[in-house]
Amino acid sequence: MKRFVILLLLISLICTVGCATTKDLQRVHGDFDRQIAALKDEDAGIRKDIVKLKETQASLQKSQAEMRADITELRDGIQGLKGITEGLRKEMSAIAAIRERLDNVSLKISFIENFLEVGKRENHSEGDKAGKAAPKNVIKGKTEKESAYALAYETFKEGKYEKARGEFQNFLKQYPDSEYSDNAQFWIGESFYFEKKYEKAILEYEKVVKNYPKGSKVPYALLKQGLSFLNLGDKASARLILQQIIKEYPNTNQARIARAKLVEIK
């Protein structure tokens, strides 16, 4: 650009002094044309650079748009995961509720099993005449010992817990070491439990464990002892007894219920 200005000044100077010749003017015009051509080439290069810059800008804008789309997709994915997580939480809550209901059913089954075991013992002793009780002090086809136990048990099933407790206590005085003695002691504990006299129930269940350690009612007594402590709010004692059941009777229904209760009180 500077050369172009200088050339114009020279032309003006030559014209002013009037000393220019035709050859000088031709030379000056030639230089002028070359300068113009150079400027055109420079302008073309600048235009090419501008085009490249625009292409680069367009490419960057496209990349930004793609990145925004990826971010939106990631957000949607995260939102979807949150929905799945919330659904899983609801399912876990539902499973926990089902487990709780199953535990309650298991307790009821356990209680029924106690009844069934009593029936089996009576059937074994009585042979093919089992299961028919008479409302008298002596049941037909049974010995006095069997009748005394069966009558006390019938009283218990009728919900007359205080009366049944007295009958079971009398039975134990007469037959302290019979095949029904551990059952009788267990039902005494149960009579207190159903009256919600949990402290007394705990003491009676303990007699089952200490006086009849080889009897079948020990795991039942321990479980009900643990539940009694829970009802009293003594979680520490309940935890110890439930752990004892799991350790000493690992493959029983009582152990399974104990595990479920331990989870609840943690």
C-alpha atoms as a PDB file:
ATOM      1  CA  MET A   1       0.000   0.000   0.000  1.00  0.00           C
ATOM      2  CA  LYS A   2       2.842   2.343   0.826  1.00  0.00           C
ATOM      3  CA  ARG A   3       4.483   1.576  -2.519  1.00  0.00           C
ATOM      4  CA  PHE A   4       1.263   2.488  -4.283  1.00  0.00           C
ATOM      5  CA  VAL A   5       1.170   5.871  -2.540  1.00  0.00           C
ATOM      6  CA  ILE A   6       4.825   6.536  -3.360  1.00  0.00           C
ATOM      7  CA  LEU A   7       4.163   5.686  -7.025  1.00  0.00           C
ATOM      8  CA  LEU A   8       1.329   8.221  -7.175  1.00  0.00           C
ATOM      9  CA  LEU A   9       3.550  10.847  -5.660  1.00  0.00           C
ATOM     10  CA  LEU A  10       6.219  10.148  -8.266  1.00  0.00           C
ATOM     11  CA  ILE A  11       3.679  10.467 -11.083  1.00  0.00           C
ATOM     12  CA  SER A  12       2.455  13.728  -9.656  1.00  0.00           C
ATOM     13  CA  LEU A  13       6.016  14.957  -9.313  1.00  0.00           C
ATOM     14  CA  ILE A  14       6.883  14.005 -12.893  1.00  0.00           C
ATOM     15  CA  CYS A  15       3.809  15.699 -14.228  1.00  0.00           C
ATOM     16  CA  THR A  16       4.562  18.781 -12.140  1.00  0.00           C
ATOM     17  CA  VAL A  17       8.112  19.225 -13.279  1.00  0.00           C
ATOM     18  CA  GLY A  18       7.154  18.351 -16.852  1.00  0.00           C
ATOM     19  CA  CYS A  19      10.251  16.229 -17.322  1.00  0.00           C
ATOM     20  CA  ALA A  20       8.438  12.859 -17.881  1.00  0.00           C
ATOM     21  CA  THR A  21       8.922  10.994 -21.134  1.00  0.00           C
ATOM     22  CA  THR A  22       6.690   8.423 -22.726  1.00  0.00           C
ATOM     23  CA  LYS A  23       8.937   5.605 -21.534  1.00  0.00           C
ATOM     24  CA  ASP A  24       8.873   6.946 -18.006  1.00  0.00           C
ATOM     25  CA  LEU A  25       5.104   7.049 -18.052  1.00  0.00           C
ATOM     26  CA  GLN A  26       4.898   3.523 -19.422  1.00  0.00           C
ATOM     27  CA  ARG A  27       7.267   2.302 -16.750  1.00  0.00           C
ATOM     28  CA  VAL A  28       5.229   4.022 -14.080  1.00  0.00           C
ATOM     29  CA  HIS A  29       1.982   2.573 -15.451  1.00  0.00           C
ATOM     30  CA  GLY A  30       3.536  -0.878 -15.479  1.00  0.00           C
ATOM     31  CA  ASP A  31       4.596  -0.552 -11.885  1.00  0.00           C
ATOM     32  CA  PHE A  32       1.141   0.714 -11.039  1.00  0.00           C
ATOM     33  CA  ASP A  33      -0.514  -2.288 -12.719  1.00  0.00           C
ATOM     34  CA  ARG A  34       1.757  -4.693 -10.894  1.00  0.00           C
ATOM     35  CA  GLN A  35       0.899  -3.085  -7.551  1.00  0.00           C
ATOM     36  CA  ILE A  36      -2.799  -3.365  -8.316  1.00  0.00           C
ATOM     37  CA  ALA A  37      -2.366  -7.045  -9.259  1.00  0.00           C
ATOM     38  CA  ALA A  38      -0.479  -7.670  -6.010  1.00  0.00           C
ATOM     39  CA  LEU A  39      -3.242  -5.991  -4.041  1.00  0.00           C
ATOM     40  CA  LYS A  40      -5.846  -8.160  -5.798  1.00  0.00           C
ATOM     41  CA  ASP A  41      -3.865 -11.310  -4.924  1.00  0.00           C
ATOM     42  CA  GLU A  42      -3.576 -10.172  -1.318  1.00  0.00           C
ATOM     43  CA  ASP A  43      -7.319  -9.472  -1.219  1.00  0.00           C
ATOM     44  CA  ALA A  44      -8.057 -12.946  -2.646  1.00  0.00           C
ATOM     45  CA  GLY A  45      -5.896 -14.531   0.058  1.00  0.00           C
ATOM     46  CA  ILE A  46      -7.736 -12.603   2.733  1.00  0.00           C
ATOM     47  CA  ARG A  47     -11.074 -13.759   1.323  1.00  0.00           C
ATOM     48  CA  LYS A  48      -9.881 -17.382   1.380  1.00  0.00           C
ATOM     49  CA  ASP A  49      -8.838 -16.959   5.015  1.00  0.00           C
ATOM     50  CA  ILE A  50     -12.257 -15.531   5.836  1.00  0.00           C
ATOM     51  CA  VAL A  51     -13.948 -18.511   4.154  1.00  0.00           C
ATOM     52  CA  LYS A  52     -11.775 -20.928   6.166  1.00  0.00           C
ATOM     53  CA  LEU A  53     -12.594 -19.063   9.369  1.00  0.00           C
ATOM     54  CA  LYS A  54     -16.301 -19.309   8.585  1.00  0.00           C
ATOM     55  CA  GLU A  55     -15.961 -23.039   7.905  1.00  0.00           C
ATOM     56  CA  THR A  56     -14.100 -23.488  11.199  1.00  0.00           C
ATOM     57  CA  GLN A  57     -16.784 -21.517  13.029  1.00  0.00           C
ATOM     58  CA  ALA A  58     -19.510 -23.636  11.447  1.00  0.00           C
ATOM     59  CA  SER A  59     -17.663 -26.803  12.474  1.00  0.00           C
ATOM     60  CA  LEU A  60     -17.336 -25.522  16.053  1.00  0.00           C
ATOM     61  CA  GLN A  61     -21.021 -24.640  16.151  1.00  0.00           C
ATOM     62  CA  LYS A  62     -21.879 -28.131  14.924  1.00  0.00           C
ATOM     63  CA  SER A  63     -19.656 -29.695  17.604  1.00  0.00           C
ATOM     64  CA  GLN A  64     -21.305 -27.550  20.265  1.00  0.00           C
ATOM     65  CA  ALA A  65     -24.732 -28.627  19.052  1.00  0.00           C
ATOM     66  CA  GLU A  66     -23.679 -32.284  19.204  1.00  0.00           C
ATOM     67  CA  MET A  67     -22.288 -31.769  22.715  1.00  0.00           C
ATOM     68  CA  ARG A  68     -25.568 -30.186  23.805  1.00  0.00           C
ATOM     69  CA  ALA A  69     -27.437 -33.162  22.363  1.00  0.00           C
ATOM     70  CA  ASP A  70     -25.124 -35.567  24.239  1.00  0.00           C
ATOM     71  CA  ILE A  71     -25.618 -33.646  27.487  1.00  0.00           C
ATOM     72  CA  THR A  72     -29.399 -33.733  26.999  1.00  0.00           C
ATOM     73  CA  GLU A  73     -29.238 -37.480  26.365  1.00  0.00           C
ATOM     74  CA  LEU A  74     -27.127 -37.975  29.505  1.00  0.00           C
ATOM     75  CA  ARG A  75     -29.603 -35.966  31.546  1.00  0.00           C
ATOM     76  CA  ASP A  76     -32.452 -38.057  30.210  1.00  0.00           C
ATOM     77  CA  GLY A  77     -30.473 -41.202  31.062  1.00  0.00           C
ATOM     78  CA  ILE A  78     -29.827 -39.978  34.609  1.00  0.00           C
ATOM     79  CA  GLN A  79     -33.498 -39.134  35.014  1.00  0.00           C
ATOM     80  CA  GLY A  80     -34.386 -42.615  33.786  1.00  0.00           C
ATOM     81  CA  LEU A  81     -31.988 -44.171  36.300  1.00  0.00           C
ATOM     82  CA  LYS A  82     -33.560 -42.117  39.069  1.00  0.00           C
ATOM     83  CA  GLY A  83     -36.948 -43.467  38.043  1.00  0.00           C
ATOM     84  CA  ILE A  84     -35.624 -47.038  38.066  1.00  0.00           C
ATOM     85  CA  THR A  85     -34.023 -46.475  41.489  1.00  0.00           C
ATOM     86  CA  GLU A  86     -37.279 -45.122  42.880  1.00  0.00           C
ATOM     87  CA  GLY A  87     -39.113 -48.121  41.463  1.00  0.00           C
ATOM     88  CA  LEU A  88     -36.617 -50.484  43.098  1.00  0.00           C
ATOM     89  CA  ARG A  89     -37.060 -48.714  46.413  1.00  0.00           C
ATOM     90  CA  LYS A  90     -40.799 -49.174  46.205  1.00  0.00           C
ATOM     91  CA  GLU A  91     -40.322 -52.847  45.323  1.00  0.00           C
ATOM     92  CA  MET A  92     -37.956 -53.295  48.284  1.00  0.00           C
ATOM     93  CA  SER A  93     -40.532 -51.698  50.563  1.00  0.00           C
ATOM     94  CA  ALA A  94     -43.160 -54.061  49.200  1.00  0.00           C
ATOM     95  CA  ILE A  95     -40.822 -57.037  49.724  1.00  0.00           C
ATOM     96  CA  ALA A  96     -40.141 -55.903  53.296  1.00  0.00           C
ATOM     97  CA  ALA A  97     -43.895 -55.725  53.932  1.00  0.00           C
ATOM     98  CA  ILE A  98     -44.331 -59.231  52.474  1.00  0.00           C
ATOM     99  CA  ARG A  99     -41.531 -60.543  54.662  1.00  0.00           C
ATOM    100  CA  GLU A 100     -43.165 -59.029  57.710  1.00  0.00           C
ATOM    101  CA  ARG A 101     -46.451 -60.725  56.833  1.00  0.00           C
ATOM    102  CA  LEU A 102     -44.609 -64.011  56.258  1.00  0.00           C
ATOM    103  CA  ASP A 103     -42.961 -63.686  59.660  1.00  0.00           C
ATOM    104  CA  ASN A 104     -46.350 -63.205  61.265  1.00  0.00           C
ATOM    105  CA  VAL A 105     -47.656 -66.243  59.410  1.00  0.00           C
ATOM    106  CA  SER A 106     -44.596 -68.221  60.519  1.00  0.00           C
ATOM    107  CA  LEU A 107     -45.308 -67.337  64.121  1.00  0.00           C
ATOM    108  CA  LYS A 108     -48.847 -68.561  63.705  1.00  0.00           C
ATOM    109  CA  ILE A 109     -47.610 -71.741  62.019  1.00  0.00           C
ATOM    110  CA  SER A 110     -45.139 -72.234  64.831  1.00  0.00           C
ATOM    111  CA  PHE A 111     -47.965 -71.928  67.327  1.00  0.00           C
ATOM    112  CA  ILE A 112     -50.067 -74.428  65.376  1.00  0.00           C
ATOM    113  CA  GLU A 113     -47.101 -76.805  65.223  1.00  0.00           C
ATOM    114  CA  ASN A 114     -47.103 -76.807  68.998  1.00  0.00           C
ATOM    115  CA  PHE A 115     -50.701 -77.958  68.933  1.00  0.00           C
ATOM    116  CA  LEU A 116     -49.976 -80.585  66.292  1.00  0.00           C
ATOM    117  CA  GLU A 117     -47.066 -81.964  68.275  1.00  0.00           C
ATOM    118  CA  VAL A 118     -49.315 -82.365  71.286  1.00  0.00           C
ATOM    119  CA  GLY A 119     -51.784 -84.245  69.100  1.00  0.00           C
ATOM    120  CA  LYS A 120     -49.036 -86.546  67.837  1.00  0.00           C
ATOM    121  CA  ARG A 121     -47.959 -87.426  71.347  1.00  0.00           C
ATOM    122  CA  GLU A 122     -51.528 -88.186  72.345  1.00  0.00           C
ATOM    123  CA  ASN A 123     -52.037 -90.280  69.205  1.00  0.00           C
ATOM    124  CA  HIS A 124     -48.857 -92.224  69.857  1.00  0.00           C
ATOM    125  CA  SER A 125     -49.916 -93.028  73.382  1.00  0.00           C
ATOM    126  CA  GLU A 126     -53.491 -93.814  72.566  1.00  0.00           C
ATOM    127  CA  GLY A 127     -53.123 -95.668  69.278  1.00  0.00           C
ATOM    128  CA  ASP A 128     -56.132 -95.629  66.952  1.00  0.00           C
ATOM    129  CA  LYS A 129     -58.431 -94.050  69.570  1.00  0.00           C
ATOM    130  CA  ALA A 130     -56.759 -90.602  69.467  1.00  0.00           C
ATOM    131  CA  GLY A 131     -58.457 -87.250  68.997  1.00  0.00           C
ATOM    132  CA  LYS A 132     -61.839 -87.813  70.712  1.00  0.00           C
ATOM    133  CA  ALA A 133     -62.142 -85.893  73.957  1.00  0.00           C
ATOM    134  CA  ALA A 134     -65.029 -86.182  76.385  1.00  0.00           C
ATOM    135  CA  PRO A 135     -66.145 -83.291  78.595  1.00  0.00           C
ATOM    136  CA  LYS A 136     -65.534 -85.407  81.721  1.00  0.00           C
ATOM    137  CA  ASN A 137     -62.620 -85.554  84.137  1.00  0.00           C
ATOM    138  CA  VAL A 138     -61.536 -88.850  82.577  1.00  0.00           C
ATOM    139  CA  ILE A 139     -61.365 -89.150  78.790  1.00  0.00           C
ATOM    140  CA  LYS A 140     -62.399 -92.464  77.317  1.00  0.00           C
ATOM    141  CA  GLY A 141     -59.474 -94.587  76.204  1.00  0.00           C
ATOM    142  CA  LYS A 142     -56.860 -92.527  78.083  1.00  0.00           C
ATOM    143  CA  THR A 143     -54.935 -93.026  81.267  1.00  0.00           C
ATOM    144  CA  GLU A 144     -55.431 -90.624  84.179  1.00  0.00           C
ATOM    145  CA  LYS A 145     -52.171 -88.862  83.247  1.00  0.00           C
ATOM    146  CA  GLU A 146     -53.217 -88.425  79.618  1.00  0.00           C
ATOM    147  CA  SER A 147     -56.690 -87.293  80.642  1.00  0.00           C
ATOM    148  CA  ALA A 148     -55.351 -84.720  83.081  1.00  0.00           C
ATOM    149  CA  TYR A 149     -53.070 -83.256  80.430  1.00  0.00           C
ATOM    150  CA  ALA A 150     -55.704 -83.321  77.659  1.00  0.00           C
ATOM    151  CA  LEU A 151     -58.320 -81.624  79.860  1.00  0.00           C
ATOM    152  CA  ALA A 152     -55.870 -78.855  80.817  1.00  0.00           C
ATOM    153  CA  TYR A 153     -55.003 -78.395  77.158  1.00  0.00           C
ATOM    154  CA  GLU A 154     -58.699 -78.182  76.187  1.00  0.00           C
ATOM    155  CA  THR A 155     -59.156 -75.471  78.809  1.00  0.00           C
ATOM    156  CA  PHE A 156     -56.197 -73.577  77.357  1.00  0.00           C
ATOM    157  CA  LYS A 157     -57.650 -73.771  73.823  1.00  0.00           C
ATOM    158  CA  GLU A 158     -60.908 -72.310  75.123  1.00  0.00           C
ATOM    159  CA  GLY A 159     -58.955 -69.207  76.197  1.00  0.00           C
ATOM    160  CA  LYS A 160     -59.424 -69.828  79.908  1.00  0.00           C
ATOM    161  CA  TYR A 161     -55.777 -69.136  80.596  1.00  0.00           C
ATOM    162  CA  GLU A 162     -55.852 -68.734  84.372  1.00  0.00           C
ATOM    163  CA  LYS A 163     -57.845 -71.936  84.841  1.00  0.00           C
ATOM    164  CA  ALA A 164     -55.663 -73.825  82.347  1.00  0.00           C
ATOM    165  CA  ARG A 165     -52.554 -72.591  84.145  1.00  0.00           C
ATOM    166  CA  GLY A 166     -53.802 -74.059  87.423  1.00  0.00           C
ATOM    167  CA  GLU A 167     -54.604 -77.383  85.734  1.00  0.00           C
ATOM    168  CA  PHE A 168     -51.141 -77.577  84.110  1.00  0.00           C
ATOM    169  CA  GLN A 169     -49.500 -76.740  87.451  1.00  0.00           C
ATOM    170  CA  ASN A 170     -51.460 -79.525  89.148  1.00  0.00           C
ATOM    171  CA  PHE A 171     -50.431 -81.863  86.351  1.00  0.00           C
ATOM    172  CA  LEU A 172     -46.740 -81.053  86.925  1.00  0.00           C
ATOM    173  CA  LYS A 173     -47.085 -81.702  90.641  1.00  0.00           C
ATOM    174  CA  GLN A 174     -48.500 -85.138  89.940  1.00  0.00           C
ATOM    175  CA  TYR A 175     -46.337 -85.975  86.913  1.00  0.00           C
ATOM    176  CA  PRO A 176     -43.120 -83.875  87.060  1.00  0.00           C
ATOM    177  CA  ASP A 177     -41.120 -86.152  84.754  1.00  0.00           C
ATOM    178  CA  SER A 178     -43.672 -87.434  82.242  1.00  0.00           C
ATOM    179  CA  GLU A 179     -43.464 -87.195  78.475  1.00  0.00           C
ATOM    180  CA  TYR A 180     -45.957 -84.299  78.710  1.00  0.00           C
ATOM    181  CA  SER A 181     -44.179 -82.314  81.398  1.00  0.00           C
ATOM    182  CA  ASP A 182     -42.177 -79.992  79.100  1.00  0.00           C
ATOM    183  CA  ASN A 183     -45.350 -79.277  77.107  1.00  0.00           C
ATOM    184  CA  ALA A 184     -47.295 -78.499  80.256  1.00  0.00           C
ATOM    185  CA  GLN A 185     -44.606 -76.108  81.451  1.00  0.00           C
ATOM    186  CA  PHE A 186     -44.539 -74.406  78.041  1.00  0.00           C
ATOM    187  CA  TRP A 187     -48.315 -73.861  78.073  1.00  0.00           C
ATOM    188  CA  ILE A 188     -48.037 -72.257  81.494  1.00  0.00           C
ATOM    189  CA  GLY A 189     -45.658 -69.719  79.936  1.00  0.00           C
ATOM    190  CA  GLU A 190     -48.033 -69.291  77.013  1.00  0.00           C
ATOM    191  CA  SER A 191     -50.961 -68.611  79.331  1.00  0.00           C
ATOM    192  CA  PHE A 192     -49.077 -65.649  80.782  1.00  0.00           C
ATOM    193  CA  TYR A 193     -47.936 -64.531  77.331  1.00  0.00           C
ATOM    194  CA  PHE A 194     -51.488 -64.372  75.967  1.00  0.00           C
ATOM    195  CA  GLU A 195     -52.489 -62.375  79.045  1.00  0.00           C
ATOM    196  CA  LYS A 196     -49.602 -60.012  78.156  1.00  0.00           C
ATOM    197  CA  LYS A 197     -47.923 -60.733  81.472  1.00  0.00           C
ATOM    198  CA  TYR A 198     -44.560 -60.931  79.777  1.00  0.00           C
ATOM    199  CA  GLU A 199     -42.341 -60.863  82.882  1.00  0.00           C
ATOM    200  CA  LYS A 200     -44.067 -63.943  84.290  1.00  0.00           C
ATOM    201  CA  ALA A 201     -44.083 -65.616  80.889  1.00  0.00           C
ATOM    202  CA  ILE A 202     -40.298 -65.190  80.645  1.00  0.00           C
ATOM    203  CA  LEU A 203     -39.815 -66.945  83.998  1.00  0.00           C
ATOM    204  CA  GLU A 204     -42.045 -69.857  82.980  1.00  0.00           C
ATOM    205  CA  TYR A 205     -40.325 -70.258  79.597  1.00  0.00           C
ATOM    206  CA  GLU A 206     -37.001 -70.335  81.440  1.00  0.00           C
ATOM    207  CA  LYS A 207     -38.229 -73.351  83.412  1.00  0.00           C
ATOM    208  CA  VAL A 208     -38.779 -75.186  80.130  1.00  0.00           C
ATOM    209  CA  VAL A 209     -35.163 -74.549  79.149  1.00  0.00           C
ATOM    210  CA  LYS A 210     -33.648 -75.458  82.531  1.00  0.00           C
ATOM    211  CA  ASN A 211     -35.887 -78.316  83.631  1.00  0.00           C
ATOM    212  CA  TYR A 212     -36.321 -80.004  80.248  1.00  0.00           C
ATOM    213  CA  PRO A 213     -33.150 -79.161  78.232  1.00  0.00           C
ATOM    214  CA  LYS A 214     -33.589 -82.197  75.972  1.00  0.00           C
ATOM    215  CA  GLY A 215     -37.268 -81.611  75.309  1.00  0.00           C
ATOM    216  CA  SER A 216     -38.676 -80.489  71.971  1.00  0.00           C
ATOM    217  CA  LYS A 217     -40.173 -77.331  73.465  1.00  0.00           C
ATOM    218  CA  VAL A 218     -36.833 -75.614  74.236  1.00  0.00           C
ATOM    219  CA  PRO A 219     -36.508 -73.692  70.909  1.00  0.00           C
ATOM    220  CA  TYR A 220     -40.161 -72.671  71.145  1.00  0.00           C
ATOM    221  CA  ALA A 221     -39.684 -71.465  74.709  1.00  0.00           C
ATOM    222  CA  LEU A 222     -36.552 -69.506  73.786  1.00  0.00           C
ATOM    223  CA  LEU A 223     -38.294 -67.833  70.861  1.00  0.00           C
ATOM    224  CA  LYS A 224     -41.301 -66.809  72.940  1.00  0.00           C
ATOM    225  CA  GLN A 225     -38.932 -65.632  75.655  1.00  0.00           C
ATOM    226  CA  GLY A 226     -37.171 -63.403  73.124  1.00  0.00           C
ATOM    227  CA  LEU A 227     -40.512 -62.057  71.864  1.00  0.00           C
ATOM    228  CA  SER A 228     -41.550 -61.338  75.437  1.00  0.00           C
ATOM    229  CA  PHE A 229     -38.411 -59.245  75.959  1.00  0.00           C
ATOM    230  CA  LEU A 230     -39.204 -57.389  72.734  1.00  0.00           C
ATOM    231  CA  ASN A 231     -42.717 -56.661  73.955  1.00  0.00           C
ATOM    232  CA  LEU A 232     -41.188 -55.253  77.142  1.00  0.00           C
ATOM    233  CA  GLY A 233     -38.845 -53.048  75.097  1.00  0.00           C
ATOM    234  CA  ASP A 234     -35.695 -54.896  76.248  1.00  0.00           C
ATOM    235  CA  LYS A 235     -33.995 -55.228  72.885  1.00  0.00           C
ATOM    236  CA  ALA A 236     -30.590 -56.175  74.329  1.00  0.00           C
ATOM    237  CA  SER A 237     -31.933 -59.273  76.126  1.00  0.00           C
ATOM    238  CA  ALA A 238     -34.114 -60.183  73.146  1.00  0.00           C
ATOM    239  CA  ARG A 239     -31.099 -59.971  70.825  1.00  0.00           C
ATOM    240  CA  LEU A 240     -29.036 -62.321  73.026  1.00  0.00           C
ATOM    241  CA  ILE A 241     -31.774 -64.960  73.126  1.00  0.00           C
ATOM    242  CA  LEU A 242     -32.502 -64.759  69.399  1.00  0.00           C
ATOM    243  CA  GLN A 243     -28.782 -65.184  68.672  1.00  0.00           C
ATOM    244  CA  GLN A 244     -28.763 -68.212  70.972  1.00  0.00           C
ATOM    245  CA  ILE A 245     -31.604 -69.801  68.986  1.00  0.00           C
ATOM    246  CA  ILE A 246     -29.749 -69.277  65.688  1.00  0.00           C
ATOM    247  CA  LYS A 247     -26.569 -70.763  67.135  1.00  0.00           C
ATOM    248  CA  GLU A 248     -28.076 -73.789  68.869  1.00  0.00           C
ATOM    249  CA  TYR A 249     -31.011 -74.543  66.535  1.00  0.00           C
ATOM    250  CA  PRO A 250     -29.819 -73.235  63.123  1.00  0.00           C
ATOM    251  CA  ASN A 251     -32.087 -75.282  60.844  1.00  0.00           C
ATOM    252  CA  THR A 252     -35.422 -74.714  62.564  1.00  0.00           C
ATOM    253  CA  ASN A 253     -38.366 -72.428  61.893  1.00  0.00           C
ATOM    254  CA  GLN A 254     -37.582 -70.731  65.185  1.00  0.00           C
ATOM    255  CA  ALA A 255     -34.081 -69.838  63.933  1.00  0.00           C
ATOM    256  CA  ARG A 256     -35.493 -68.367  60.740  1.00  0.00           C
ATOM    257  CA  ILE A 257     -37.962 -66.245  62.687  1.00  0.00           C
ATOM    258  CA  ALA A 258     -35.163 -65.214  65.051  1.00  0.00           C
ATOM    259  CA  ARG A 259     -33.065 -63.988  62.110  1.00  0.00           C
ATOM    260  CA  ALA A 260     -35.955 -61.902  60.823  1.00  0.00           C
ATOM    261  CA  LYS A 261     -36.512 -60.381  64.254  1.00  0.00           C
ATOM    262  CA  LEU A 262     -32.817 -59.550  64.608  1.00  0.00           C
ATOM    263  CA  VAL A 263     -32.962 -57.604  61.363  1.00  0.00           C
ATOM    264  CA  GLU A 264     -35.910 -55.616  62.676  1.00  0.00           C
ATOM    265  CA  ILE A 265     -34.305 -54.620  65.977  1.00  0.00           C
ATOM    266  CA  LYS A 266     -30.914 -53.547  64.544  1.00  0.00           C
END
